[in-house]
């Protein structure tokens, strides 16, 4: 007897769970509040992200404060009916901004993987070195170029 197991793509455990196959006819605010209420018994819910854009319709993310809560919620609700559709739940591929903010108080959302601490209030973030070197080189090149002279056009009478 040969046992076959299906190989499912598993993502690494994460504090954030990704839910798909949600009923997309539900109001965004109602969906967020119902998901919050549904997953609150499993641990502290930091955030519920549900977008209604065409690309993200029927999907949501629930961010928990710890991995144990996310794991227990995933195991309890994967495949269960929610508004007449079975939810498909897995761990999110990346950490959420709420998790990153909890781990690093200096985290600034939207900067990407090269996260630079926020500058003090009222100051600007310094430019990256490569960008300023290119601009300086362009300015020097323009300074070395001779100024263009105007040409006179004669009118034929």
N, C-alpha and C. Protein backbone atom coordinates (compact mmCIF):
# COMPACT_ATOMS: atom_id res chain seq x y z
N UNK A 1 0.84 -1.19 0.00
CA UNK A 1 0.00 0.00 0.00
C UNK A 1 0.88 1.25 0.00
N UNK A 2 0.60 2.14 -0.92
CA UNK A 2 1.38 3.37 -1.05
C UNK A 2 0.50 4.54 -0.63
N UNK A 3 1.01 5.32 0.28
CA UNK A 3 0.29 6.52 0.72
C UNK A 3 0.80 7.70 -0.07
N UNK A 4 -0.11 8.43 -0.63
CA UNK A 4 0.29 9.65 -1.33
C UNK A 4 -0.19 10.85 -0.54
N UNK A 5 0.64 11.80 -0.43
CA UNK A 5 0.26 13.03 0.25
C UNK A 5 0.36 14.17 -0.74
N UNK A 6 -0.58 15.04 -0.64
CA UNK A 6 -0.52 16.20 -1.53
C UNK A 6 0.48 17.19 -0.97
N UNK A 7 1.26 17.74 -1.84
CA UNK A 7 2.25 18.72 -1.41
C UNK A 7 1.65 20.10 -1.62
N UNK A 8 1.31 20.73 -0.53
CA UNK A 8 0.74 22.06 -0.58
C UNK A 8 1.83 23.08 -0.34
N UNK A 9 1.81 24.17 -1.05
CA UNK A 9 2.81 25.21 -0.78
C UNK A 9 2.55 25.82 0.59
N UNK A 10 3.45 25.65 1.49
CA UNK A 10 3.29 26.21 2.84
C UNK A 10 4.19 27.42 2.99
N UNK A 11 3.65 28.44 3.59
CA UNK A 11 4.45 29.61 3.89
C UNK A 11 4.94 29.49 5.32
N UNK A 12 5.97 30.21 5.64
CA UNK A 12 6.53 30.17 6.98
C UNK A 12 5.51 30.73 7.97
N UNK A 13 5.47 30.19 9.17
CA UNK A 13 4.56 30.72 10.18
C UNK A 13 4.79 32.21 10.41
N UNK A 14 3.70 32.92 10.62
CA UNK A 14 3.73 34.38 10.69
C UNK A 14 2.62 34.84 11.63
N UNK A 15 2.75 36.00 12.21
CA UNK A 15 1.70 36.56 13.06
C UNK A 15 0.48 36.98 12.25
N UNK A 16 0.63 37.08 10.94
CA UNK A 16 -0.45 37.51 10.06
C UNK A 16 -0.98 36.34 9.27
N UNK A 17 -2.32 36.19 9.26
CA UNK A 17 -2.92 35.16 8.43
C UNK A 17 -3.58 35.80 7.22
N UNK A 18 -3.56 35.08 6.12
CA UNK A 18 -4.14 35.53 4.86
C UNK A 18 -5.39 34.69 4.62
N UNK A 19 -6.50 35.35 4.40
CA UNK A 19 -7.78 34.67 4.19
C UNK A 19 -8.25 34.98 2.77
N UNK A 20 -8.60 33.92 2.03
CA UNK A 20 -9.13 34.12 0.68
C UNK A 20 -10.44 33.35 0.55
N UNK A 21 -11.11 33.54 -0.55
CA UNK A 21 -12.41 32.95 -0.84
C UNK A 21 -13.50 33.52 0.08
N UNK A 22 -13.38 34.81 0.38
CA UNK A 22 -14.41 35.47 1.18
C UNK A 22 -15.52 35.97 0.26
N UNK A 23 -16.71 36.08 0.80
CA UNK A 23 -17.85 36.59 0.04
C UNK A 23 -17.59 38.06 -0.26
N UNK A 24 -17.43 38.41 -1.55
CA UNK A 24 -17.09 39.78 -1.90
C UNK A 24 -18.29 40.70 -1.98
N UNK A 25 -19.48 40.21 -1.64
CA UNK A 25 -20.66 41.06 -1.62
C UNK A 25 -20.88 41.75 -0.29
N UNK A 26 -19.99 41.51 0.66
CA UNK A 26 -20.12 42.10 1.99
C UNK A 26 -19.46 43.48 2.02
N UNK A 27 -20.09 44.41 2.72
CA UNK A 27 -19.55 45.75 2.94
C UNK A 27 -18.18 45.62 3.62
N UNK A 28 -17.21 46.47 3.22
CA UNK A 28 -15.85 46.39 3.76
C UNK A 28 -15.81 46.56 5.27
N UNK A 29 -16.54 47.53 5.81
CA UNK A 29 -16.55 47.76 7.26
C UNK A 29 -17.16 46.58 8.00
N UNK A 30 -18.23 46.02 7.45
CA UNK A 30 -18.87 44.87 8.09
C UNK A 30 -17.92 43.68 8.07
N UNK A 31 -17.25 43.46 6.95
CA UNK A 31 -16.30 42.36 6.83
C UNK A 31 -15.19 42.49 7.87
N UNK A 32 -14.63 43.68 7.99
CA UNK A 32 -13.56 43.90 8.97
C UNK A 32 -14.03 43.64 10.38
N UNK A 33 -15.20 44.17 10.74
CA UNK A 33 -15.69 43.99 12.11
C UNK A 33 -16.06 42.53 12.39
N UNK A 34 -16.62 41.82 11.40
CA UNK A 34 -16.97 40.41 11.60
C UNK A 34 -15.72 39.54 11.72
N UNK A 35 -14.70 39.81 10.92
CA UNK A 35 -13.44 39.06 11.04
C UNK A 35 -12.77 39.34 12.38
N UNK A 36 -12.82 40.58 12.81
CA UNK A 36 -12.25 40.94 14.11
C UNK A 36 -12.95 40.14 15.22
N UNK A 37 -14.28 40.13 15.20
CA UNK A 37 -15.05 39.42 16.23
C UNK A 37 -14.82 37.91 16.15
N UNK A 38 -14.67 37.39 14.94
CA UNK A 38 -14.47 35.96 14.75
C UNK A 38 -13.13 35.49 15.31
N UNK A 39 -12.08 36.28 15.10
CA UNK A 39 -10.74 35.85 15.50
C UNK A 39 -10.28 36.38 16.86
N UNK A 40 -11.03 37.26 17.47
CA UNK A 40 -10.65 37.82 18.78
C UNK A 40 -10.50 36.76 19.87
N UNK A 41 -11.32 35.70 19.90
CA UNK A 41 -11.15 34.68 20.95
C UNK A 41 -9.81 33.95 20.91
N UNK A 42 -9.08 34.03 19.80
CA UNK A 42 -7.81 33.30 19.67
C UNK A 42 -6.61 34.12 20.13
N UNK A 43 -6.78 35.39 20.38
CA UNK A 43 -5.68 36.23 20.84
C UNK A 43 -5.91 37.68 20.44
N UNK A 44 -4.99 38.53 20.83
CA UNK A 44 -5.11 39.95 20.53
C UNK A 44 -4.97 40.19 19.04
N UNK A 45 -5.98 40.80 18.44
CA UNK A 45 -5.95 41.14 17.02
C UNK A 45 -5.46 42.58 16.90
N UNK A 46 -4.33 42.77 16.22
CA UNK A 46 -3.76 44.11 16.06
C UNK A 46 -4.43 44.87 14.91
N UNK A 47 -4.76 44.16 13.83
CA UNK A 47 -5.32 44.83 12.67
C UNK A 47 -6.04 43.82 11.78
N UNK A 48 -7.04 44.30 11.07
CA UNK A 48 -7.73 43.52 10.05
C UNK A 48 -7.70 44.36 8.78
N UNK A 49 -7.08 43.82 7.74
CA UNK A 49 -6.97 44.54 6.48
C UNK A 49 -7.86 43.85 5.46
N UNK A 50 -8.86 44.57 4.98
CA UNK A 50 -9.77 44.05 3.95
C UNK A 50 -9.97 45.16 2.94
N UNK A 51 -9.53 44.95 1.72
CA UNK A 51 -9.66 45.94 0.66
C UNK A 51 -10.71 45.48 -0.33
N UNK A 52 -11.35 46.41 -0.98
CA UNK A 52 -12.37 46.08 -1.97
C UNK A 52 -11.93 46.42 -3.39
N UNK A 53 -10.64 46.56 -3.60
CA UNK A 53 -10.14 46.81 -4.95
C UNK A 53 -10.35 45.56 -5.79
N UNK A 54 -10.41 45.69 -7.11
CA UNK A 54 -10.64 44.50 -7.94
C UNK A 54 -9.61 43.38 -7.70
N UNK A 55 -8.38 43.75 -7.45
CA UNK A 55 -7.33 42.75 -7.24
C UNK A 55 -7.45 42.06 -5.87
N UNK A 56 -7.92 42.76 -4.86
CA UNK A 56 -7.96 42.22 -3.49
C UNK A 56 -9.36 41.83 -3.03
N UNK A 57 -10.34 41.86 -3.91
CA UNK A 57 -11.70 41.52 -3.55
C UNK A 57 -11.75 40.06 -3.08
N UNK A 58 -12.46 39.80 -1.97
CA UNK A 58 -12.61 38.44 -1.45
C UNK A 58 -11.42 37.96 -0.66
N UNK A 59 -10.54 38.88 -0.25
CA UNK A 59 -9.34 38.53 0.51
C UNK A 59 -9.19 39.46 1.70
N UNK A 60 -8.51 38.99 2.73
CA UNK A 60 -8.27 39.82 3.91
C UNK A 60 -7.04 39.30 4.65
N UNK A 61 -6.49 40.15 5.49
CA UNK A 61 -5.38 39.79 6.36
C UNK A 61 -5.80 40.10 7.79
N UNK A 62 -5.47 39.19 8.72
CA UNK A 62 -5.72 39.42 10.14
C UNK A 62 -4.38 39.33 10.83
N UNK A 63 -4.01 40.39 11.55
CA UNK A 63 -2.72 40.48 12.22
C UNK A 63 -2.91 40.22 13.70
N UNK A 64 -2.21 39.21 14.21
CA UNK A 64 -2.27 38.87 15.64
C UNK A 64 -1.00 39.37 16.33
N UNK A 65 -1.07 39.48 17.64
CA UNK A 65 0.09 39.96 18.40
C UNK A 65 1.15 38.88 18.55
N UNK A 66 0.76 37.60 18.43
CA UNK A 66 1.75 36.53 18.57
C UNK A 66 1.45 35.37 17.61
N UNK A 67 2.44 34.54 17.43
CA UNK A 67 2.36 33.42 16.48
C UNK A 67 1.39 32.35 16.95
N UNK A 68 1.32 32.10 18.24
CA UNK A 68 0.43 31.05 18.78
C UNK A 68 -1.02 31.37 18.45
N UNK A 69 -1.41 32.62 18.60
CA UNK A 69 -2.78 33.03 18.29
C UNK A 69 -3.09 32.85 16.82
N UNK A 70 -2.16 33.25 15.96
CA UNK A 70 -2.37 33.12 14.52
C UNK A 70 -2.50 31.65 14.12
N UNK A 71 -1.66 30.81 14.69
CA UNK A 71 -1.69 29.39 14.37
C UNK A 71 -2.99 28.74 14.82
N UNK A 72 -3.43 29.04 16.03
CA UNK A 72 -4.68 28.43 16.51
C UNK A 72 -5.89 28.92 15.71
N UNK A 73 -5.90 30.18 15.31
CA UNK A 73 -7.00 30.70 14.49
C UNK A 73 -7.01 30.04 13.11
N UNK A 74 -5.83 29.87 12.53
CA UNK A 74 -5.73 29.22 11.22
C UNK A 74 -6.26 27.80 11.29
N UNK A 75 -5.83 27.04 12.29
CA UNK A 75 -6.27 25.65 12.42
C UNK A 75 -7.76 25.54 12.69
N UNK A 76 -8.30 26.47 13.45
CA UNK A 76 -9.72 26.40 13.82
C UNK A 76 -10.65 26.76 12.67
N UNK A 77 -10.26 27.70 11.82
CA UNK A 77 -11.20 28.24 10.84
C UNK A 77 -10.91 27.92 9.38
N UNK A 78 -9.79 27.28 9.07
CA UNK A 78 -9.50 26.96 7.67
C UNK A 78 -10.56 26.00 7.14
N UNK A 79 -11.25 26.40 6.08
CA UNK A 79 -12.27 25.57 5.45
C UNK A 79 -13.67 25.76 6.01
N UNK A 80 -13.82 26.53 7.08
CA UNK A 80 -15.14 26.75 7.69
C UNK A 80 -15.93 27.79 6.88
N UNK A 81 -17.24 27.66 6.92
CA UNK A 81 -18.11 28.59 6.20
C UNK A 81 -18.16 29.95 6.88
N UNK A 82 -18.08 30.99 6.07
CA UNK A 82 -18.18 32.36 6.55
C UNK A 82 -18.96 33.11 5.48
N UNK A 83 -20.17 33.54 5.79
CA UNK A 83 -21.08 34.14 4.81
C UNK A 83 -21.26 33.22 3.60
N UNK A 84 -21.55 31.98 3.88
CA UNK A 84 -21.89 30.96 2.87
C UNK A 84 -20.74 30.56 1.95
N UNK A 85 -19.51 30.86 2.31
CA UNK A 85 -18.36 30.44 1.50
C UNK A 85 -17.29 29.87 2.43
N UNK A 86 -16.63 28.77 2.03
CA UNK A 86 -15.56 28.22 2.88
C UNK A 86 -14.30 29.09 2.81
N UNK A 87 -13.82 29.51 3.96
CA UNK A 87 -12.60 30.33 4.00
C UNK A 87 -11.38 29.47 3.75
N UNK A 88 -10.44 29.98 3.00
CA UNK A 88 -9.14 29.34 2.80
C UNK A 88 -8.14 30.23 3.53
N UNK A 89 -7.50 29.66 4.55
CA UNK A 89 -6.60 30.46 5.39
C UNK A 89 -5.20 29.87 5.34
N UNK A 90 -4.21 30.75 5.25
CA UNK A 90 -2.81 30.37 5.33
C UNK A 90 -2.03 31.52 5.96
N UNK A 91 -0.79 31.26 6.30
CA UNK A 91 0.04 32.33 6.84
C UNK A 91 0.39 33.30 5.71
N UNK A 92 0.47 34.58 6.03
CA UNK A 92 0.86 35.58 5.05
C UNK A 92 2.33 35.36 4.67
N UNK A 93 2.68 35.76 3.45
CA UNK A 93 4.05 35.57 2.97
C UNK A 93 5.04 36.52 3.64
N UNK A 94 4.57 37.72 3.97
CA UNK A 94 5.45 38.72 4.58
C UNK A 94 4.84 39.22 5.88
N UNK A 95 5.67 39.88 6.67
CA UNK A 95 5.17 40.46 7.91
C UNK A 95 4.37 41.71 7.62
N UNK A 96 3.37 41.95 8.43
CA UNK A 96 2.55 43.15 8.25
C UNK A 96 3.26 44.35 8.86
N UNK A 97 2.80 45.53 8.47
CA UNK A 97 3.37 46.75 9.03
C UNK A 97 3.11 46.83 10.53
N UNK A 98 1.97 46.33 10.99
CA UNK A 98 1.66 46.35 12.42
C UNK A 98 2.65 45.49 13.20
N UNK A 99 3.03 44.34 12.64
CA UNK A 99 4.01 43.47 13.29
C UNK A 99 5.38 44.11 13.29
N UNK A 100 5.77 44.69 12.16
CA UNK A 100 7.08 45.35 12.07
C UNK A 100 7.15 46.54 13.03
N UNK A 101 6.06 47.27 13.16
CA UNK A 101 6.01 48.42 14.09
C UNK A 101 6.14 47.94 15.53
N UNK A 102 5.53 46.78 15.84
CA UNK A 102 5.61 46.23 17.19
C UNK A 102 7.04 45.78 17.51
N UNK A 103 7.73 45.20 16.51
CA UNK A 103 9.10 44.73 16.70
C UNK A 103 10.11 45.87 16.75
N UNK A 104 9.88 46.91 15.92
CA UNK A 104 10.81 48.03 15.84
C UNK A 104 10.03 49.34 15.93
N UNK A 105 10.09 50.04 17.06
CA UNK A 105 9.32 51.27 17.22
C UNK A 105 9.69 52.37 16.22
N UNK A 106 10.87 52.29 15.60
CA UNK A 106 11.30 53.30 14.63
C UNK A 106 10.85 52.98 13.21
N UNK A 107 10.09 51.90 13.04
CA UNK A 107 9.64 51.50 11.71
C UNK A 107 8.75 52.57 11.09
N UNK A 108 9.01 52.89 9.81
CA UNK A 108 8.21 53.84 9.07
C UNK A 108 7.59 53.10 7.90
N UNK A 109 6.26 52.92 7.86
CA UNK A 109 5.64 52.19 6.76
C UNK A 109 5.86 52.86 5.41
N UNK A 110 6.03 52.02 4.39
CA UNK A 110 6.11 52.53 3.04
C UNK A 110 7.51 52.75 2.51
N UNK A 111 8.52 52.53 3.31
CA UNK A 111 9.88 52.74 2.83
C UNK A 111 10.41 51.50 2.13
N UNK A 112 9.90 50.34 2.45
CA UNK A 112 10.35 49.10 1.82
C UNK A 112 11.32 48.36 2.71
N UNK A 113 12.14 47.52 2.08
CA UNK A 113 13.03 46.67 2.86
C UNK A 113 14.20 47.46 3.45
N UNK A 114 14.60 48.53 2.83
CA UNK A 114 15.67 49.35 3.38
C UNK A 114 15.05 50.38 4.31
N UNK A 115 14.66 49.94 5.46
CA UNK A 115 13.94 50.78 6.39
C UNK A 115 14.89 51.69 7.15
N UNK A 116 14.69 52.96 7.03
CA UNK A 116 15.50 53.96 7.70
C UNK A 116 14.67 54.54 8.84
N UNK A 117 15.26 54.72 10.03
CA UNK A 117 14.48 55.30 11.12
C UNK A 117 13.94 56.67 10.75
N UNK A 118 12.81 56.99 11.31
CA UNK A 118 12.18 58.28 11.04
C UNK A 118 13.06 59.41 11.58
N UNK A 119 13.19 60.49 10.83
CA UNK A 119 13.99 61.62 11.31
C UNK A 119 13.23 62.35 12.42
N UNK A 120 13.93 63.12 13.24
CA UNK A 120 13.23 63.91 14.26
C UNK A 120 12.21 64.83 13.61
N UNK A 121 11.17 65.14 14.34
CA UNK A 121 10.08 65.95 13.81
C UNK A 121 10.60 67.29 13.29
N UNK A 122 10.18 67.64 12.08
CA UNK A 122 10.58 68.90 11.49
C UNK A 122 11.81 68.80 10.60
N UNK A 123 12.51 67.64 10.63
CA UNK A 123 13.70 67.46 9.79
C UNK A 123 13.36 66.54 8.63
N UNK A 124 14.14 66.69 7.56
CA UNK A 124 13.94 65.83 6.40
C UNK A 124 14.87 64.63 6.48
N UNK A 125 14.45 63.55 5.85
CA UNK A 125 15.25 62.34 5.78
C UNK A 125 16.41 62.60 4.83
N UNK A 126 17.65 62.21 5.16
CA UNK A 126 18.79 62.45 4.26
C UNK A 126 18.65 61.62 2.99
N UNK A 127 19.17 62.19 1.89
CA UNK A 127 19.12 61.48 0.61
C UNK A 127 20.16 60.36 0.62
N UNK A 128 19.91 59.38 -0.24
CA UNK A 128 20.88 58.29 -0.36
C UNK A 128 22.11 58.79 -1.10
N UNK A 129 23.28 58.23 -0.82
CA UNK A 129 24.55 58.70 -1.37
C UNK A 129 24.59 58.59 -2.88
N UNK A 130 24.10 57.48 -3.45
CA UNK A 130 24.17 57.29 -4.90
C UNK A 130 23.41 58.38 -5.65
N UNK A 131 22.25 58.75 -5.14
CA UNK A 131 21.41 59.74 -5.79
C UNK A 131 22.10 61.11 -5.84
N UNK A 132 22.72 61.52 -4.74
CA UNK A 132 23.37 62.84 -4.70
C UNK A 132 24.62 62.85 -5.57
N UNK A 133 25.33 61.73 -5.67
CA UNK A 133 26.53 61.68 -6.52
C UNK A 133 26.16 61.88 -7.99
N UNK A 134 25.06 61.28 -8.43
CA UNK A 134 24.62 61.44 -9.80
C UNK A 134 24.24 62.89 -10.09
N UNK A 135 23.52 63.51 -9.17
CA UNK A 135 23.09 64.90 -9.37
C UNK A 135 24.29 65.84 -9.40
N UNK A 136 25.26 65.61 -8.54
CA UNK A 136 26.46 66.44 -8.51
C UNK A 136 27.22 66.31 -9.83
N UNK A 137 27.33 65.10 -10.34
CA UNK A 137 28.04 64.87 -11.60
C UNK A 137 27.33 65.59 -12.75
N UNK A 138 26.01 65.55 -12.76
CA UNK A 138 25.26 66.24 -13.82
C UNK A 138 25.46 67.75 -13.76
N UNK A 139 25.46 68.32 -12.54
CA UNK A 139 25.67 69.76 -12.39
C UNK A 139 27.05 70.16 -12.87
N UNK A 140 28.08 69.36 -12.53
CA UNK A 140 29.44 69.67 -12.95
C UNK A 140 29.56 69.60 -14.48
N UNK A 141 28.90 68.62 -15.08
CA UNK A 141 28.96 68.48 -16.54
C UNK A 141 28.33 69.69 -17.22
N UNK A 142 27.18 70.14 -16.68
CA UNK A 142 26.52 71.32 -17.26
C UNK A 142 27.40 72.56 -17.11
N UNK A 143 28.13 72.69 -16.01
CA UNK A 143 28.98 73.85 -15.77
C UNK A 143 30.16 73.87 -16.75
N UNK A 144 30.64 72.68 -17.16
CA UNK A 144 31.77 72.59 -18.06
C UNK A 144 31.38 72.83 -19.52
N UNK A 145 30.12 72.56 -19.88
CA UNK A 145 29.67 72.75 -21.25
C UNK A 145 29.64 74.24 -21.58
N UNK A 146 30.06 74.60 -22.82
CA UNK A 146 30.00 76.02 -23.20
C UNK A 146 28.54 76.47 -23.33
N UNK A 147 28.30 77.70 -23.02
CA UNK A 147 26.95 78.24 -23.11
C UNK A 147 26.55 78.32 -24.57
N UNK A 148 25.31 78.03 -24.86
CA UNK A 148 24.83 78.08 -26.23
C UNK A 148 24.68 79.54 -26.66
N UNK A 149 25.09 79.80 -27.89
CA UNK A 149 24.97 81.15 -28.41
C UNK A 149 23.72 81.25 -29.26
N UNK A 150 23.12 82.41 -29.26
CA UNK A 150 21.93 82.61 -30.06
C UNK A 150 22.33 82.87 -31.50
N UNK A 151 21.55 82.33 -32.41
CA UNK A 151 21.80 82.57 -33.82
C UNK A 151 20.83 83.61 -34.32
N UNK A 152 21.34 84.45 -35.18
CA UNK A 152 20.45 85.47 -35.77
C UNK A 152 19.94 84.96 -37.09
N UNK A 153 18.68 85.15 -37.31
CA UNK A 153 18.06 84.73 -38.56
C UNK A 153 17.73 86.00 -39.34
N UNK A 154 18.25 86.03 -40.54
CA UNK A 154 17.99 87.21 -41.37
C UNK A 154 16.71 87.01 -42.15
N UNK A 155 15.95 88.06 -42.27
CA UNK A 155 14.73 88.02 -43.06
C UNK A 155 15.05 88.39 -44.50
N UNK A 156 14.52 87.66 -45.43
CA UNK A 156 14.65 87.99 -46.85
C UNK A 156 13.50 88.89 -47.22
N UNK A 157 13.80 90.09 -47.61
CA UNK A 157 12.75 91.04 -47.99
C UNK A 157 12.38 90.92 -49.40
